[in-house]
Amino acid sequence: MTEQCLNDNSYNSIHQITKTLEFLSHADRYIEDAKKSGDSEAEKIWNTIKDDRQKHAEMLKGLIVADVKNNKF
C-alpha cells in the first residue's frame, strides 16, 4: 500500500488555483478582444469574471497557506 503524499482537499485547492491562474493569464486578451469588436457588454462581463476569479484565487491561496501552516503538505 502506498502512502498518499497530499490529501484530497489540498490537492483540490492546488488544482483549482492552477486552473484559475491559467484563466487569469488569458483574461486580458478576452477583454481586449471584446474592446476591439466594440462589444461593451462582453467587455463588462469579462471584467466581472476576471474580478471574481481574482477573488477566488486569493481565497484558494488562503486555503493553501493554511494547509502549509498546518503541515498538511
N, C-alpha and C. Protein backbone atom coordinates (compact mmCIF):
# COMPACT_ATOMS: atom_id res chain seq x y z
N MET A 1 0.84 -1.17 0.00
CA MET A 1 0.00 0.00 0.00
C MET A 1 0.89 1.24 0.00
N THR A 2 0.59 2.19 -0.87
CA THR A 2 1.38 3.41 -0.94
C THR A 2 0.73 4.50 -0.09
N GLU A 3 1.58 5.29 0.50
CA GLU A 3 1.11 6.38 1.33
C GLU A 3 0.80 7.59 0.44
N GLN A 4 -0.30 8.23 0.70
CA GLN A 4 -0.70 9.40 -0.08
C GLN A 4 0.12 10.60 0.36
N CYS A 5 0.72 11.28 -0.60
CA CYS A 5 1.58 12.43 -0.29
C CYS A 5 0.77 13.68 0.05
N LEU A 6 -0.39 13.79 -0.55
CA LEU A 6 -1.18 15.01 -0.42
C LEU A 6 -2.64 14.62 -0.24
N ASN A 7 -3.29 15.19 0.75
CA ASN A 7 -4.70 14.84 0.94
C ASN A 7 -5.54 15.44 -0.20
N ASP A 8 -6.72 14.89 -0.38
CA ASP A 8 -7.58 15.31 -1.49
C ASP A 8 -7.93 16.79 -1.43
N ASN A 9 -8.20 17.29 -0.25
CA ASN A 9 -8.57 18.70 -0.10
C ASN A 9 -7.44 19.62 -0.54
N SER A 10 -6.22 19.33 -0.12
CA SER A 10 -5.07 20.14 -0.52
C SER A 10 -4.84 20.04 -2.02
N TYR A 11 -4.95 18.82 -2.55
CA TYR A 11 -4.80 18.63 -4.00
C TYR A 11 -5.83 19.45 -4.76
N ASN A 12 -7.08 19.41 -4.30
CA ASN A 12 -8.15 20.15 -4.97
C ASN A 12 -7.87 21.65 -4.97
N SER A 13 -7.37 22.17 -3.86
CA SER A 13 -7.05 23.59 -3.77
C SER A 13 -5.95 23.97 -4.77
N ILE A 14 -4.92 23.15 -4.83
CA ILE A 14 -3.81 23.42 -5.75
C ILE A 14 -4.28 23.29 -7.20
N HIS A 15 -5.04 22.27 -7.47
CA HIS A 15 -5.54 22.05 -8.84
C HIS A 15 -6.39 23.24 -9.28
N GLN A 16 -7.30 23.68 -8.42
CA GLN A 16 -8.21 24.75 -8.80
C GLN A 16 -7.50 26.09 -8.91
N ILE A 17 -6.54 26.38 -8.04
CA ILE A 17 -5.83 27.66 -8.17
C ILE A 17 -5.02 27.68 -9.46
N THR A 18 -4.52 26.52 -9.87
CA THR A 18 -3.79 26.43 -11.13
C THR A 18 -4.72 26.77 -12.29
N LYS A 19 -5.91 26.19 -12.29
CA LYS A 19 -6.89 26.47 -13.35
C LYS A 19 -7.31 27.94 -13.34
N THR A 20 -7.50 28.48 -12.15
CA THR A 20 -7.92 29.88 -12.02
C THR A 20 -6.84 30.82 -12.54
N LEU A 21 -5.60 30.56 -12.16
CA LEU A 21 -4.49 31.41 -12.63
C LEU A 21 -4.28 31.27 -14.13
N GLU A 22 -4.53 30.08 -14.65
CA GLU A 22 -4.43 29.89 -16.10
C GLU A 22 -5.47 30.76 -16.81
N PHE A 23 -6.70 30.76 -16.31
CA PHE A 23 -7.72 31.63 -16.89
C PHE A 23 -7.29 33.09 -16.82
N LEU A 24 -6.80 33.51 -15.65
CA LEU A 24 -6.41 34.90 -15.46
C LEU A 24 -5.29 35.32 -16.41
N SER A 25 -4.45 34.38 -16.80
CA SER A 25 -3.37 34.71 -17.72
C SER A 25 -3.91 35.03 -19.12
N HIS A 26 -5.16 34.66 -19.39
CA HIS A 26 -5.78 34.91 -20.70
C HIS A 26 -6.86 36.00 -20.64
N ALA A 27 -7.31 36.35 -19.47
CA ALA A 27 -8.46 37.24 -19.32
C ALA A 27 -8.27 38.58 -19.99
N ASP A 28 -7.11 39.18 -19.88
CA ASP A 28 -6.89 40.49 -20.50
C ASP A 28 -7.03 40.42 -22.02
N ARG A 29 -6.65 39.30 -22.59
CA ARG A 29 -6.80 39.13 -24.04
C ARG A 29 -8.29 39.07 -24.40
N TYR A 30 -9.09 38.38 -23.59
CA TYR A 30 -10.53 38.31 -23.84
C TYR A 30 -11.16 39.70 -23.75
N ILE A 31 -10.72 40.47 -22.77
CA ILE A 31 -11.23 41.83 -22.59
C ILE A 31 -10.84 42.70 -23.77
N GLU A 32 -9.60 42.59 -24.19
CA GLU A 32 -9.12 43.36 -25.34
C GLU A 32 -9.86 42.99 -26.62
N ASP A 33 -10.12 41.70 -26.81
CA ASP A 33 -10.87 41.26 -27.99
C ASP A 33 -12.28 41.85 -28.00
N ALA A 34 -12.91 41.88 -26.83
CA ALA A 34 -14.25 42.47 -26.74
C ALA A 34 -14.20 43.97 -27.05
N LYS A 35 -13.15 44.64 -26.54
CA LYS A 35 -12.97 46.07 -26.82
C LYS A 35 -12.81 46.32 -28.31
N LYS A 36 -11.93 45.52 -28.94
CA LYS A 36 -11.67 45.67 -30.37
C LYS A 36 -12.92 45.47 -31.21
N SER A 37 -13.78 44.58 -30.77
CA SER A 37 -15.00 44.32 -31.53
C SER A 37 -16.12 45.31 -31.20
N GLY A 38 -15.86 46.19 -30.24
CA GLY A 38 -16.84 47.20 -29.87
C GLY A 38 -17.99 46.65 -29.04
N ASP A 39 -17.78 45.52 -28.42
CA ASP A 39 -18.83 44.87 -27.62
C ASP A 39 -18.64 45.22 -26.15
N SER A 40 -19.23 46.34 -25.74
CA SER A 40 -19.04 46.81 -24.36
C SER A 40 -19.66 45.86 -23.34
N GLU A 41 -20.73 45.17 -23.72
CA GLU A 41 -21.36 44.22 -22.79
C GLU A 41 -20.42 43.03 -22.53
N ALA A 42 -19.82 42.50 -23.59
CA ALA A 42 -18.86 41.40 -23.43
C ALA A 42 -17.66 41.86 -22.61
N GLU A 43 -17.19 43.07 -22.87
CA GLU A 43 -16.05 43.61 -22.12
C GLU A 43 -16.39 43.69 -20.63
N LYS A 44 -17.58 44.17 -20.34
CA LYS A 44 -18.03 44.28 -18.95
C LYS A 44 -18.10 42.89 -18.29
N ILE A 45 -18.66 41.94 -19.01
CA ILE A 45 -18.78 40.58 -18.47
C ILE A 45 -17.41 39.97 -18.21
N TRP A 46 -16.49 40.10 -19.18
CA TRP A 46 -15.14 39.55 -18.98
C TRP A 46 -14.44 40.21 -17.80
N ASN A 47 -14.63 41.52 -17.64
CA ASN A 47 -14.03 42.20 -16.49
C ASN A 47 -14.61 41.69 -15.18
N THR A 48 -15.91 41.46 -15.15
CA THR A 48 -16.56 40.94 -13.94
C THR A 48 -16.04 39.54 -13.62
N ILE A 49 -15.96 38.69 -14.64
CA ILE A 49 -15.45 37.34 -14.43
C ILE A 49 -14.00 37.39 -13.95
N LYS A 50 -13.20 38.26 -14.55
CA LYS A 50 -11.79 38.40 -14.14
C LYS A 50 -11.71 38.80 -12.66
N ASP A 51 -12.50 39.79 -12.28
CA ASP A 51 -12.50 40.24 -10.87
C ASP A 51 -12.90 39.11 -9.93
N ASP A 52 -13.95 38.37 -10.31
CA ASP A 52 -14.39 37.24 -9.48
C ASP A 52 -13.29 36.19 -9.36
N ARG A 53 -12.67 35.85 -10.48
CA ARG A 53 -11.63 34.83 -10.46
C ARG A 53 -10.42 35.27 -9.63
N GLN A 54 -10.11 36.58 -9.66
CA GLN A 54 -9.01 37.07 -8.82
C GLN A 54 -9.35 36.88 -7.34
N LYS A 55 -10.60 37.12 -6.99
CA LYS A 55 -11.04 36.90 -5.61
C LYS A 55 -10.95 35.41 -5.26
N HIS A 56 -11.36 34.57 -6.20
CA HIS A 56 -11.29 33.12 -5.97
C HIS A 56 -9.85 32.67 -5.77
N ALA A 57 -8.94 33.23 -6.58
CA ALA A 57 -7.53 32.87 -6.44
C ALA A 57 -7.01 33.24 -5.06
N GLU A 58 -7.40 34.40 -4.57
CA GLU A 58 -6.97 34.82 -3.23
C GLU A 58 -7.54 33.90 -2.15
N MET A 59 -8.79 33.49 -2.32
CA MET A 59 -9.41 32.57 -1.36
C MET A 59 -8.68 31.23 -1.34
N LEU A 60 -8.39 30.72 -2.53
CA LEU A 60 -7.67 29.44 -2.63
C LEU A 60 -6.26 29.56 -2.07
N LYS A 61 -5.62 30.68 -2.32
CA LYS A 61 -4.28 30.91 -1.76
C LYS A 61 -4.34 30.83 -0.24
N GLY A 62 -5.39 31.41 0.34
CA GLY A 62 -5.55 31.35 1.80
C GLY A 62 -5.67 29.92 2.30
N LEU A 63 -6.42 29.09 1.57
CA LEU A 63 -6.54 27.68 1.95
C LEU A 63 -5.20 26.98 1.90
N ILE A 64 -4.45 27.24 0.84
CA ILE A 64 -3.15 26.60 0.66
C ILE A 64 -2.18 27.05 1.74
N VAL A 65 -2.16 28.34 2.04
CA VAL A 65 -1.28 28.85 3.10
C VAL A 65 -1.64 28.20 4.44
N ALA A 66 -2.93 28.09 4.71
CA ALA A 66 -3.36 27.45 5.97
C ALA A 66 -2.92 25.99 6.01
N ASP A 67 -3.04 25.29 4.87
CA ASP A 67 -2.60 23.89 4.83
C ASP A 67 -1.10 23.77 5.09
N VAL A 68 -0.34 24.69 4.52
CA VAL A 68 1.11 24.66 4.73
C VAL A 68 1.42 24.92 6.21
N LYS A 69 0.77 25.90 6.80
CA LYS A 69 0.99 26.22 8.21
C LYS A 69 0.60 25.06 9.13
N ASN A 70 -0.38 24.29 8.69
CA ASN A 70 -0.87 23.17 9.50
C ASN A 70 -0.22 21.84 9.10
N ASN A 71 0.90 21.95 8.37
CA ASN A 71 1.68 20.77 7.97
C ASN A 71 0.86 19.73 7.22
N LYS A 72 -0.04 20.17 6.36
CA LYS A 72 -0.85 19.23 5.57
C LYS A 72 -0.20 18.93 4.23
N PHE A 73 0.98 19.46 4.03
CA PHE A 73 1.73 19.18 2.79
C PHE A 73 2.88 18.28 3.09
